[in-house]
C-alpha atoms as a PDB file:
ATOM      1  CA  MET A   1     -31.820  56.943 122.436  1.00  0.00           C
ATOM      2  CA  ARG A   2     -33.768  58.539 125.258  1.00  0.00           C
ATOM      3  CA  ARG A   3     -31.679  56.641 127.858  1.00  0.00           C
ATOM      4  CA  GLN A   4     -28.459  57.789 126.164  1.00  0.00           C
ATOM      5  CA  ALA A   5     -29.652  61.384 126.353  1.00  0.00           C
ATOM      6  CA  LEU A   6     -30.416  61.027 130.057  1.00  0.00           C
ATOM      7  CA  ILE A   7     -26.953  59.606 130.717  1.00  0.00           C
ATOM      8  CA  LEU A   8     -25.378  62.479 128.811  1.00  0.00           C
ATOM      9  CA  VAL A   9     -27.295  65.017 130.923  1.00  0.00           C
ATOM     10  CA  CYS A  10     -26.114  63.285 134.103  1.00  0.00           C
ATOM     11  CA  MET A  11     -22.508  63.438 132.913  1.00  0.00           C
ATOM     12  CA  VAL A  12     -22.732  67.114 132.026  1.00  0.00           C
ATOM     13  CA  VAL A  13     -24.415  68.161 135.267  1.00  0.00           C
ATOM     14  CA  PHE A  14     -22.636  65.936 137.775  1.00  0.00           C
ATOM     15  CA  GLY A  15     -19.436  64.821 136.095  1.00  0.00           C
ATOM     16  CA  VAL A  16     -20.062  61.093 136.578  1.00  0.00           C
ATOM     17  CA  VAL A  17     -22.978  58.961 135.497  1.00  0.00           C
ATOM     18  CA  GLY A  18     -23.369  57.385 138.949  1.00  0.00           C
ATOM     19  CA  THR A  19     -24.267  60.728 140.482  1.00  0.00           C
ATOM     20  CA  CYS A  20     -27.481  61.003 138.480  1.00  0.00           C
ATOM     21  CA  HIS A  21     -29.892  60.152 141.302  1.00  0.00           C
ATOM     22  CA  GLY A  22     -31.288  56.664 140.861  1.00  0.00           C
ATOM     23  CA  GLY A  23     -28.728  55.891 138.128  1.00  0.00           C
ATOM     24  CA  SER A  24     -28.660  52.143 137.511  1.00  0.00           C
ATOM     25  CA  LEU A  25     -29.999  51.403 140.975  1.00  0.00           C
ATOM     26  CA  LYS A  26     -33.397  49.787 141.225  1.00  0.00           C
ATOM     27  CA  LYS A  27     -35.860  48.353 143.686  1.00  0.00           C
ATOM     28  CA  GLY A  28     -35.320  44.669 144.378  1.00  0.00           C
ATOM     29  CA  PHE A  29     -32.000  44.431 142.548  1.00  0.00           C
ATOM     30  CA  TYR A  30     -31.239  41.103 144.281  1.00  0.00           C
ATOM     31  CA  ASN A  31     -34.641  39.504 143.746  1.00  0.00           C
ATOM     32  CA  ASN A  32     -33.185  36.848 141.431  1.00  0.00           C
ATOM     33  CA  THR A  33     -29.619  36.506 142.712  1.00  0.00           C
ATOM     34  CA  CYS A  34     -30.283  36.646 146.472  1.00  0.00           C
ATOM     35  CA  PRO A  35     -34.036  36.887 147.114  1.00  0.00           C
ATOM     36  CA  ASN A  36     -33.726  37.111 150.899  1.00  0.00           C
ATOM     37  CA  ALA A  37     -30.852  39.617 150.962  1.00  0.00           C
ATOM     38  CA  GLU A  38     -32.856  42.562 152.277  1.00  0.00           C
ATOM     39  CA  ALA A  39     -34.648  40.414 154.855  1.00  0.00           C
ATOM     40  CA  ILE A  40     -31.340  38.989 156.112  1.00  0.00           C
ATOM     41  CA  ILE A  41     -29.912  42.500 156.497  1.00  0.00           C
ATOM     42  CA  LYS A  42     -33.069  43.799 158.168  1.00  0.00           C
ATOM     43  CA  ASN A  43     -33.258  40.944 160.672  1.00  0.00           C
ATOM     44  CA  ALA A  44     -29.556  41.108 161.486  1.00  0.00           C
ATOM     45  CA  THR A  45     -29.692  44.879 161.888  1.00  0.00           C
ATOM     46  CA  GLU A  46     -32.781  44.877 164.123  1.00  0.00           C
ATOM     47  CA  LYS A  47     -31.309  42.150 166.318  1.00  0.00           C
ATOM     48  CA  ARG A  48     -28.221  44.263 166.954  1.00  0.00           C
ATOM     49  CA  VAL A  49     -30.106  47.542 167.418  1.00  0.00           C
ATOM     50  CA  ALA A  50     -32.308  45.847 170.024  1.00  0.00           C
ATOM     51  CA  SER A  51     -29.213  45.324 172.174  1.00  0.00           C
ATOM     52  CA  ASP A  52     -27.419  48.560 171.212  1.00  0.00           C
ATOM     53  CA  PRO A  53     -29.684  51.621 170.731  1.00  0.00           C
ATOM     54  CA  THR A  54     -26.711  53.770 169.646  1.00  0.00           C
ATOM     55  CA  LEU A  55     -26.377  51.914 166.333  1.00  0.00           C
ATOM     56  CA  PRO A  56     -29.017  53.870 164.352  1.00  0.00           C
ATOM     57  CA  ALA A  57     -27.066  57.110 164.792  1.00  0.00           C
ATOM     58  CA  ARG A  58     -23.780  55.360 164.072  1.00  0.00           C
ATOM     59  CA  PHE A  59     -24.989  53.695 160.878  1.00  0.00           C
ATOM     60  CA  LEU A  60     -26.710  56.850 159.634  1.00  0.00           C
ATOM     61  CA  ARG A  61     -23.548  58.909 160.131  1.00  0.00           C
ATOM     62  CA  MET A  62     -21.385  56.206 158.542  1.00  0.00           C
ATOM     63  CA  HIS A  63     -23.665  56.104 155.490  1.00  0.00           C
ATOM     64  CA  PHE A  64     -23.543  59.907 155.203  1.00  0.00           C
ATOM     65  CA  HIS A  65     -19.746  59.974 155.492  1.00  0.00           C
ATOM     66  CA  ASP A  66     -19.478  57.188 152.925  1.00  0.00           C
ATOM     67  CA  CYS A  67     -21.677  58.869 150.316  1.00  0.00           C
ATOM     68  CA  PHE A  68     -19.953  62.254 150.576  1.00  0.00           C
ATOM     69  CA  VAL A  69     -16.564  60.732 149.672  1.00  0.00           C
ATOM     70  CA  ARG A  70     -16.283  58.956 146.291  1.00  0.00           C
ATOM     71  CA  GLY A  71     -20.045  58.335 146.397  1.00  0.00           C
ATOM     72  CA  CYS A  72     -21.916  55.531 148.162  1.00  0.00           C
ATOM     73  CA  GLY A  73     -19.337  52.825 147.459  1.00  0.00           C
ATOM     74  CA  ALA A  74     -18.453  51.648 150.982  1.00  0.00           C
ATOM     75  CA  SER A  75     -14.987  53.195 150.691  1.00  0.00           C
ATOM     76  CA  VAL A  76     -15.299  54.371 154.313  1.00  0.00           C
ATOM     77  CA  LEU A  77     -15.377  50.729 155.431  1.00  0.00           C
ATOM     78  CA  LEU A  78     -11.934  49.893 154.029  1.00  0.00           C
ATOM     79  CA  ASN A  79      -8.982  49.532 156.378  1.00  0.00           C
ATOM     80  CA  SER A  80      -5.679  51.155 155.533  1.00  0.00           C
ATOM     81  CA  THR A  81      -3.125  48.894 153.915  1.00  0.00           C
ATOM     82  CA  THR A  82      -0.203  51.195 154.810  1.00  0.00           C
ATOM     83  CA  ASN A  83       0.403  54.090 157.210  1.00  0.00           C
ATOM     84  CA  ASN A  84      -3.209  55.022 158.073  1.00  0.00           C
ATOM     85  CA  THR A  85      -4.088  56.426 154.652  1.00  0.00           C
ATOM     86  CA  ALA A  86      -7.709  55.264 154.322  1.00  0.00           C
ATOM     87  CA  GLU A  87     -10.845  57.385 154.786  1.00  0.00           C
ATOM     88  CA  LYS A  88     -11.583  55.966 158.230  1.00  0.00           C
ATOM     89  CA  ASP A  89      -8.240  57.382 159.433  1.00  0.00           C
ATOM     90  CA  ALA A  90      -9.257  60.977 158.635  1.00  0.00           C
ATOM     91  CA  ILE A  91      -9.970  63.114 161.706  1.00  0.00           C
ATOM     92  CA  PRO A  92     -13.721  63.522 160.903  1.00  0.00           C
ATOM     93  CA  ASN A  93     -14.028  59.725 160.733  1.00  0.00           C
ATOM     94  CA  LEU A  94     -12.134  58.814 163.896  1.00  0.00           C
ATOM     95  CA  THR A  95     -15.368  58.977 165.881  1.00  0.00           C
ATOM     96  CA  LEU A  96     -17.285  56.711 163.494  1.00  0.00           C
ATOM     97  CA  ALA A  97     -18.271  53.441 165.141  1.00  0.00           C
ATOM     98  CA  GLY A  98     -20.066  50.234 164.238  1.00  0.00           C
ATOM     99  CA  PHE A  99     -17.727  48.977 161.514  1.00  0.00           C
ATOM    100  CA  ASP A 100     -17.541  45.591 163.221  1.00  0.00           C
ATOM    101  CA  VAL A 101     -21.329  45.291 163.203  1.00  0.00           C
ATOM    102  CA  ILE A 102     -21.507  46.054 159.474  1.00  0.00           C
ATOM    103  CA  ASP A 103     -18.836  43.379 158.954  1.00  0.00           C
ATOM    104  CA  ASP A 104     -20.954  40.901 160.920  1.00  0.00           C
ATOM    105  CA  ILE A 105     -24.103  41.717 158.943  1.00  0.00           C
ATOM    106  CA  LYS A 106     -22.211  41.326 155.679  1.00  0.00           C
ATOM    107  CA  ALA A 107     -20.904  37.945 156.888  1.00  0.00           C
ATOM    108  CA  GLU A 108     -24.474  36.751 157.465  1.00  0.00           C
ATOM    109  CA  VAL A 109     -25.398  37.691 153.896  1.00  0.00           C
ATOM    110  CA  GLU A 110     -22.273  35.956 152.576  1.00  0.00           C
ATOM    111  CA  LYS A 111     -23.328  32.690 154.222  1.00  0.00           C
ATOM    112  CA  LYS A 112     -26.501  32.626 152.127  1.00  0.00           C
ATOM    113  CA  CYS A 113     -25.339  34.407 148.977  1.00  0.00           C
ATOM    114  CA  PRO A 114     -21.557  34.566 148.567  1.00  0.00           C
ATOM    115  CA  ASN A 115     -20.114  37.247 146.282  1.00  0.00           C
ATOM    116  CA  VAL A 116     -23.498  38.754 145.417  1.00  0.00           C
ATOM    117  CA  VAL A 117     -24.455  41.640 147.742  1.00  0.00           C
ATOM    118  CA  SER A 118     -22.180  44.674 147.960  1.00  0.00           C
ATOM    119  CA  CYS A 119     -20.981  46.223 151.198  1.00  0.00           C
ATOM    120  CA  ALA A 120     -22.311  49.544 149.874  1.00  0.00           C
ATOM    121  CA  ASP A 121     -25.821  48.092 149.721  1.00  0.00           C
ATOM    122  CA  VAL A 122     -25.412  46.429 153.122  1.00  0.00           C
ATOM    123  CA  LEU A 123     -24.500  49.786 154.672  1.00  0.00           C
ATOM    124  CA  ALA A 124     -27.312  51.670 152.910  1.00  0.00           C
ATOM    125  CA  LEU A 125     -29.913  49.102 153.961  1.00  0.00           C
ATOM    126  CA  ALA A 126     -28.588  48.716 157.513  1.00  0.00           C
ATOM    127  CA  ALA A 127     -28.687  52.497 158.044  1.00  0.00           C
ATOM    128  CA  ARG A 128     -32.312  52.605 156.874  1.00  0.00           C
ATOM    129  CA  ASP A 129     -33.372  49.553 158.871  1.00  0.00           C
ATOM    130  CA  ALA A 130     -31.600  50.673 162.048  1.00  0.00           C
ATOM    131  CA  VAL A 131     -33.229  54.112 162.031  1.00  0.00           C
ATOM    132  CA  SER A 132     -36.628  52.671 161.131  1.00  0.00           C
ATOM    133  CA  PHE A 133     -36.515  50.147 163.987  1.00  0.00           C
ATOM    134  CA  LYS A 134     -39.085  51.062 166.693  1.00  0.00           C
ATOM    135  CA  VAL A 135     -40.107  54.189 164.738  1.00  0.00           C
ATOM    136  CA  SER A 136     -42.262  52.748 161.991  1.00  0.00           C
ATOM    137  CA  GLN A 137     -43.845  49.473 160.920  1.00  0.00           C
ATOM    138  CA  THR A 138     -42.593  50.235 157.423  1.00  0.00           C
ATOM    139  CA  PRO A 139     -39.160  51.487 156.274  1.00  0.00           C
ATOM    140  CA  LEU A 140     -38.757  55.252 156.676  1.00  0.00           C
ATOM    141  CA  TRP A 141     -37.265  55.593 153.191  1.00  0.00           C
ATOM    142  CA  GLU A 142     -36.747  53.442 150.144  1.00  0.00           C
ATOM    143  CA  VAL A 143     -33.301  52.082 149.375  1.00  0.00           C
ATOM    144  CA  LEU A 144     -32.749  51.241 145.736  1.00  0.00           C
ATOM    145  CA  THR A 145     -30.001  48.633 145.352  1.00  0.00           C
ATOM    146  CA  GLY A 146     -27.361  47.615 142.849  1.00  0.00           C
ATOM    147  CA  ARG A 147     -24.377  49.554 144.221  1.00  0.00           C
ATOM    148  CA  ARG A 148     -20.936  48.058 143.814  1.00  0.00           C
ATOM    149  CA  ASP A 149     -17.977  48.565 146.102  1.00  0.00           C
ATOM    150  CA  SER A 150     -15.110  50.963 145.620  1.00  0.00           C
ATOM    151  CA  ARG A 151     -11.551  49.630 145.568  1.00  0.00           C
ATOM    152  CA  VAL A 152     -10.127  52.979 146.682  1.00  0.00           C
ATOM    153  CA  SER A 153     -10.158  54.780 150.042  1.00  0.00           C
ATOM    154  CA  ARG A 154      -8.050  57.912 150.581  1.00  0.00           C
ATOM    155  CA  ILE A 155      -7.735  59.993 153.732  1.00  0.00           C
ATOM    156  CA  SER A 156      -7.194  63.133 151.639  1.00  0.00           C
ATOM    157  CA  GLU A 157     -10.571  62.749 149.937  1.00  0.00           C
ATOM    158  CA  ALA A 158     -12.369  62.456 153.266  1.00  0.00           C
ATOM    159  CA  LEU A 159     -10.737  65.675 154.476  1.00  0.00           C
ATOM    160  CA  ALA A 160     -11.638  67.450 151.239  1.00  0.00           C
ATOM    161  CA  ASN A 161     -15.257  66.332 150.930  1.00  0.00           C
ATOM    162  CA  LEU A 162     -16.846  65.889 154.353  1.00  0.00           C
ATOM    163  CA  PRO A 163     -18.816  68.907 155.593  1.00  0.00           C
ATOM    164  CA  SER A 164     -17.283  70.374 158.742  1.00  0.00           C
ATOM    165  CA  PRO A 165     -19.157  71.098 161.987  1.00  0.00           C
ATOM    166  CA  PHE A 166     -17.369  74.467 161.931  1.00  0.00           C
ATOM    167  CA  SER A 167     -18.708  75.480 158.489  1.00  0.00           C
ATOM    168  CA  ASN A 168     -20.812  78.545 157.748  1.00  0.00           C
ATOM    169  CA  PHE A 169     -23.901  78.482 155.537  1.00  0.00           C
ATOM    170  CA  THR A 170     -22.129  79.399 152.300  1.00  0.00           C
ATOM    171  CA  THR A 171     -19.583  76.611 152.700  1.00  0.00           C
ATOM    172  CA  LEU A 172     -22.246  74.056 153.589  1.00  0.00           C
ATOM    173  CA  VAL A 173     -24.328  74.951 150.544  1.00  0.00           C
ATOM    174  CA  GLN A 174     -21.289  74.472 148.317  1.00  0.00           C
ATOM    175  CA  ASN A 175     -20.393  71.149 149.977  1.00  0.00           C
ATOM    176  CA  PHE A 176     -23.885  69.841 149.276  1.00  0.00           C
ATOM    177  CA  ALA A 177     -24.098  71.334 145.785  1.00  0.00           C
ATOM    178  CA  ASN A 178     -20.899  69.480 144.910  1.00  0.00           C
ATOM    179  CA  LYS A 179     -22.845  66.276 145.526  1.00  0.00           C
ATOM    180  CA  GLY A 180     -25.958  67.325 143.611  1.00  0.00           C
ATOM    181  CA  LEU A 181     -27.856  68.231 146.782  1.00  0.00           C
ATOM    182  CA  ASN A 182     -29.620  71.553 147.423  1.00  0.00           C
ATOM    183  CA  VAL A 183     -30.476  73.769 150.401  1.00  0.00           C
ATOM    184  CA  GLN A 184     -33.585  71.705 151.108  1.00  0.00           C
ATOM    185  CA  ASP A 185     -31.451  68.563 151.333  1.00  0.00           C
ATOM    186  CA  LEU A 186     -28.922  70.348 153.549  1.00  0.00           C
ATOM    187  CA  VAL A 187     -31.549  71.317 156.114  1.00  0.00           C
ATOM    188  CA  VAL A 188     -33.400  68.009 155.932  1.00  0.00           C
ATOM    189  CA  LEU A 189     -30.322  65.812 156.236  1.00  0.00           C
ATOM    190  CA  SER A 190     -29.063  67.944 159.130  1.00  0.00           C
ATOM    191  CA  GLY A 191     -32.134  66.575 160.898  1.00  0.00           C
ATOM    192  CA  GLY A 192     -30.154  63.365 161.283  1.00  0.00           C
ATOM    193  CA  HIS A 193     -28.603  65.167 164.259  1.00  0.00           C
ATOM    194  CA  THR A 194     -31.774  64.321 166.152  1.00  0.00           C
ATOM    195  CA  ILE A 195     -29.973  61.113 167.186  1.00  0.00           C
ATOM    196  CA  GLY A 196     -26.403  60.543 168.239  1.00  0.00           C
ATOM    197  CA  VAL A 197     -23.708  62.464 170.034  1.00  0.00           C
ATOM    198  CA  GLY A 198     -21.240  65.249 169.387  1.00  0.00           C
ATOM    199  CA  HIS A 199     -17.721  65.331 170.811  1.00  0.00           C
ATOM    200  CA  CYS A 200     -16.641  68.418 172.710  1.00  0.00           C
ATOM    201  CA  ASN A 201     -13.783  69.238 170.371  1.00  0.00           C
ATOM    202  CA  ALA A 202     -16.289  69.711 167.537  1.00  0.00           C
ATOM    203  CA  PHE A 203     -18.070  72.608 169.261  1.00  0.00           C
ATOM    204  CA  SER A 204     -16.186  73.747 172.388  1.00  0.00           C
ATOM    205  CA  ASN A 205     -14.759  76.741 170.498  1.00  0.00           C
ATOM    206  CA  ARG A 206     -18.321  78.102 170.651  1.00  0.00           C
ATOM    207  CA  LEU A 207     -18.098  77.963 174.440  1.00  0.00           C
ATOM    208  CA  TYR A 208     -14.592  79.247 175.087  1.00  0.00           C
ATOM    209  CA  ASN A 209     -12.942  80.864 172.071  1.00  0.00           C
ATOM    210  CA  PHE A 210     -15.403  81.626 169.318  1.00  0.00           C
ATOM    211  CA  THR A 211     -13.554  84.522 167.632  1.00  0.00           C
ATOM    212  CA  GLY A 212     -10.144  83.805 169.088  1.00  0.00           C
ATOM    213  CA  ASN A 213     -10.598  86.196 171.996  1.00  0.00           C
ATOM    214  CA  GLY A 214     -11.769  83.780 174.691  1.00  0.00           C
ATOM    215  CA  ASP A 215     -15.417  84.550 173.963  1.00  0.00           C
ATOM    216  CA  GLN A 216     -18.647  82.596 173.599  1.00  0.00           C
ATOM    217  CA  ASP A 217     -20.732  82.318 170.433  1.00  0.00           C
ATOM    218  CA  PRO A 218     -23.518  84.891 170.962  1.00  0.00           C
ATOM    219  CA  SER A 219     -25.883  82.889 168.747  1.00  0.00           C
ATOM    220  CA  LEU A 220     -25.798  79.937 171.151  1.00  0.00           C
ATOM    221  CA  ASN A 221     -28.584  79.789 173.741  1.00  0.00           C
ATOM    222  CA  ALA A 222     -26.942  81.095 176.939  1.00  0.00           C
ATOM    223  CA  THR A 223     -28.619  78.591 179.253  1.00  0.00           C
ATOM    224  CA  TYR A 224     -27.651  75.729 176.972  1.00  0.00           C
ATOM    225  CA  ALA A 225     -24.087  77.048 176.789  1.00  0.00           C
ATOM    226  CA  THR A 226     -23.885  77.055 180.588  1.00  0.00           C
ATOM    227  CA  PHE A 227     -24.945  73.407 180.625  1.00  0.00           C
ATOM    228  CA  LEU A 228     -22.465  72.462 177.898  1.00  0.00           C
ATOM    229  CA  LYS A 229     -19.649  74.029 179.918  1.00  0.00           C
ATOM    230  CA  THR A 230     -20.414  71.616 182.744  1.00  0.00           C
ATOM    231  CA  GLN A 231     -19.828  68.753 180.291  1.00  0.00           C
ATOM    232  CA  CYS A 232     -16.982  70.164 178.193  1.00  0.00           C
ATOM    233  CA  GLN A 233     -14.784  71.938 180.680  1.00  0.00           C
ATOM    234  CA  SER A 234     -11.969  73.048 178.386  1.00  0.00           C
ATOM    235  CA  LEU A 235     -10.959  73.484 174.750  1.00  0.00           C
ATOM    236  CA  SER A 236      -8.583  70.558 175.113  1.00  0.00           C
ATOM    237  CA  ASP A 237     -11.306  68.022 176.002  1.00  0.00           C
ATOM    238  CA  ASN A 238     -11.340  65.560 173.102  1.00  0.00           C
ATOM    239  CA  THR A 239     -13.002  62.605 174.803  1.00  0.00           C
ATOM    240  CA  THR A 240     -16.265  63.874 176.344  1.00  0.00           C
ATOM    241  CA  PHE A 241     -19.433  63.851 174.253  1.00  0.00           C
ATOM    242  CA  VAL A 242     -23.017  65.057 174.633  1.00  0.00           C
ATOM    243  CA  VAL A 243     -26.241  64.218 172.794  1.00  0.00           C
ATOM    244  CA  MET A 244     -26.779  66.406 169.739  1.00  0.00           C
ATOM    245  CA  ASP A 245     -30.499  66.811 170.356  1.00  0.00           C
ATOM    246  CA  PRO A 246     -30.985  67.634 174.064  1.00  0.00           C
ATOM    247  CA  GLY A 247     -33.794  65.596 175.565  1.00  0.00           C
ATOM    248  CA  SER A 248     -34.209  63.412 172.479  1.00  0.00           C
ATOM    249  CA  GLY A 249     -30.832  61.805 171.814  1.00  0.00           C
ATOM    250  CA  LEU A 250     -32.099  58.318 170.972  1.00  0.00           C
ATOM    251  CA  ALA A 251     -35.496  59.142 169.444  1.00  0.00           C
ATOM    252  CA  PHE A 252     -35.589  59.661 165.696  1.00  0.00           C
ATOM    253  CA  ASP A 253     -38.017  62.557 165.312  1.00  0.00           C
ATOM    254  CA  ASN A 254     -38.131  66.214 164.262  1.00  0.00           C
ATOM    255  CA  ASN A 255     -37.195  67.573 167.688  1.00  0.00           C
ATOM    256  CA  TYR A 256     -33.875  68.734 166.219  1.00  0.00           C
ATOM    257  CA  TYR A 257     -35.697  71.626 164.541  1.00  0.00           C
ATOM    258  CA  VAL A 258     -37.506  72.547 167.749  1.00  0.00           C
ATOM    259  CA  THR A 259     -34.210  72.855 169.613  1.00  0.00           C
ATOM    260  CA  LEU A 260     -32.585  74.566 166.631  1.00  0.00           C
ATOM    261  CA  LYS A 261     -35.219  77.322 166.803  1.00  0.00           C
ATOM    262  CA  GLN A 262     -34.290  77.725 170.477  1.00  0.00           C
ATOM    263  CA  ASN A 263     -30.686  78.378 169.370  1.00  0.00           C
ATOM    264  CA  LYS A 264     -29.584  75.038 170.793  1.00  0.00           C
ATOM    265  CA  GLY A 265     -28.013  73.667 167.632  1.00  0.00           C
ATOM    266  CA  LEU A 266     -24.826  72.032 168.891  1.00  0.00           C
ATOM    267  CA  PHE A 267     -22.470  72.779 166.004  1.00  0.00           C
ATOM    268  CA  GLN A 268     -21.748  75.953 164.063  1.00  0.00           C
ATOM    269  CA  SER A 269     -23.056  74.068 161.037  1.00  0.00           C
ATOM    270  CA  ASP A 270     -26.389  73.639 162.844  1.00  0.00           C
ATOM    271  CA  ALA A 271     -26.622  77.297 163.850  1.00  0.00           C
ATOM    272  CA  ALA A 272     -25.729  78.247 160.271  1.00  0.00           C
ATOM    273  CA  LEU A 273     -29.118  76.971 159.094  1.00  0.00           C
ATOM    274  CA  LEU A 274     -30.757  79.932 160.834  1.00  0.00           C
ATOM    275  CA  THR A 275     -28.568  82.520 159.098  1.00  0.00           C
ATOM    276  CA  ASN A 276     -30.320  82.322 155.723  1.00  0.00           C
ATOM    277  CA  LYS A 277     -33.986  82.967 154.928  1.00  0.00           C
ATOM    278  CA  SER A 278     -34.352  80.028 152.544  1.00  0.00           C
ATOM    279  CA  SER A 279     -32.980  77.541 155.052  1.00  0.00           C
ATOM    280  CA  ARG A 280     -34.983  79.094 157.912  1.00  0.00           C
ATOM    281  CA  ASP A 281     -38.129  78.587 155.855  1.00  0.00           C
ATOM    282  CA  VAL A 282     -37.271  74.898 155.475  1.00  0.00           C
ATOM    283  CA  VAL A 283     -36.589  74.622 159.225  1.00  0.00           C
ATOM    284  CA  ASP A 284     -40.030  76.088 159.933  1.00  0.00           C
ATOM    285  CA  LYS A 285     -41.649  73.655 157.518  1.00  0.00           C
ATOM    286  CA  LEU A 286     -39.960  70.698 159.212  1.00  0.00           C
ATOM    287  CA  LEU A 287     -41.443  71.602 162.586  1.00  0.00           C
ATOM    288  CA  ASP A 288     -44.352  69.577 161.218  1.00  0.00           C
ATOM    289  CA  SER A 289     -43.471  65.952 161.974  1.00  0.00           C
ATOM    290  CA  LYS A 290     -45.210  64.570 158.869  1.00  0.00           C
ATOM    291  CA  GLU A 291     -43.292  66.993 156.664  1.00  0.00           C
ATOM    292  CA  PHE A 292     -40.007  65.966 158.256  1.00  0.00           C
ATOM    293  CA  PHE A 293     -40.482  62.248 157.664  1.00  0.00           C
ATOM    294  CA  LYS A 294     -41.684  62.852 154.105  1.00  0.00           C
ATOM    295  CA  GLU A 295     -38.797  65.144 153.200  1.00  0.00           C
ATOM    296  CA  PHE A 296     -36.187  63.073 155.030  1.00  0.00           C
ATOM    297  CA  ALA A 297     -37.150  60.079 152.908  1.00  0.00           C
ATOM    298  CA  LYS A 298     -36.726  62.102 149.701  1.00  0.00           C
ATOM    299  CA  SER A 299     -33.348  63.508 150.675  1.00  0.00           C
ATOM    300  CA  MET A 300     -32.005  60.161 151.884  1.00  0.00           C
ATOM    301  CA  GLU A 301     -32.953  58.574 148.575  1.00  0.00           C
ATOM    302  CA  LYS A 302     -31.089  61.339 146.742  1.00  0.00           C
ATOM    303  CA  MET A 303     -28.057  61.023 148.981  1.00  0.00           C
ATOM    304  CA  GLY A 304     -28.004  57.244 148.607  1.00  0.00           C
ATOM    305  CA  ALA A 305     -27.502  57.599 144.860  1.00  0.00           C
ATOM    306  CA  ILE A 306     -24.507  59.959 144.966  1.00  0.00           C
ATOM    307  CA  GLY A 307     -21.659  58.722 142.763  1.00  0.00           C
ATOM    308  CA  VAL A 308     -22.715  55.089 142.875  1.00  0.00           C
ATOM    309  CA  LEU A 309     -20.697  52.418 141.104  1.00  0.00           C
ATOM    310  CA  THR A 310     -22.925  50.069 139.125  1.00  0.00           C
ATOM    311  CA  GLY A 311     -22.682  47.500 136.341  1.00  0.00           C
ATOM    312  CA  ASN A 312     -19.098  46.319 135.966  1.00  0.00           C
ATOM    313  CA  ALA A 313     -17.530  49.157 137.957  1.00  0.00           C
ATOM    314  CA  GLY A 314     -15.865  48.439 141.283  1.00  0.00           C
ATOM    315  CA  GLU A 315     -16.383  45.005 142.810  1.00  0.00           C
ATOM    316  CA  ILE A 316     -18.465  43.001 145.275  1.00  0.00           C
ATOM    317  CA  ARG A 317     -16.213  42.728 148.332  1.00  0.00           C
ATOM    318  CA  ASN A 318     -16.218  39.455 150.244  1.00  0.00           C
ATOM    319  CA  LYS A 319     -15.248  41.318 153.416  1.00  0.00           C
ATOM    320  CA  CYS A 320     -16.119  44.970 153.834  1.00  0.00           C
ATOM    321  CA  TYR A 321     -12.819  46.060 155.352  1.00  0.00           C
ATOM    322  CA  VAL A 322     -10.548  44.839 152.528  1.00  0.00           C
ATOM    323  CA  VAL A 323     -10.626  44.718 148.737  1.00  0.00           C
ATOM    324  CA  ASN A 324     -10.797  41.276 147.178  1.00  0.00           C
END
């Protein structure tokens, strides 16, 4: 009776049972069906990260983009069947990378335990293990498992649900609230920008045409803007990229908040975090490294439970890029 009441609350608040954080996910979901699943994924992930240090940022972003569209069901991994209509064909996802590596990791799991471990769980675990590699002797956050894979992937849903780098604070708060996440989660998860790169076309308007009058965003650090102009030399540059966290592009740490306070947030969505007192207070709190790692773990666990498919919903894909 108590469990039924909890499920009802989740449905009322979030619209779908899977969005109630934790849901039917649990620690060690594969202990009986594939006891070594998490170890296989961890070893395979660390082996690949050792030879490609860009993978932690790529996997983290892929996991984020997956969870914000249809929940954490690996829908972002699906290829289009006709006319580029899948999530990965949406403009915000065209710069995602590492799909082939996720496919390879999934294949290693399939060799040991066919038709048991979902692509959604592979992605969630690989993102955690990649970021944790070389940072900590223990995983940086807990990943509960038991997700199943979505059979649907629509470009329109990616465009409608993914937060934009051009968004203001109000829009960002609403984007996150739609997924059951709050202002704290918004600021904390933005800290993922401490690793990885940003493409010029996602921020060059701040350098050359901020209000449509050929001007520069006055909130952007002037010295930093001068540097960015040497990298992104026009509004039409859609191939060049720069690290999102200057001076710390491959190190997973809280330096993002240090640079943010210096008005060096790369995107409008980064700068937006300084336009509200509540979010500024969180930024200040996260200048403490211990606080950042503690809060990042909490917010990642919440995000990893958004809209999950469990039980008999969805499927366990044999290959992550195609439905069975």
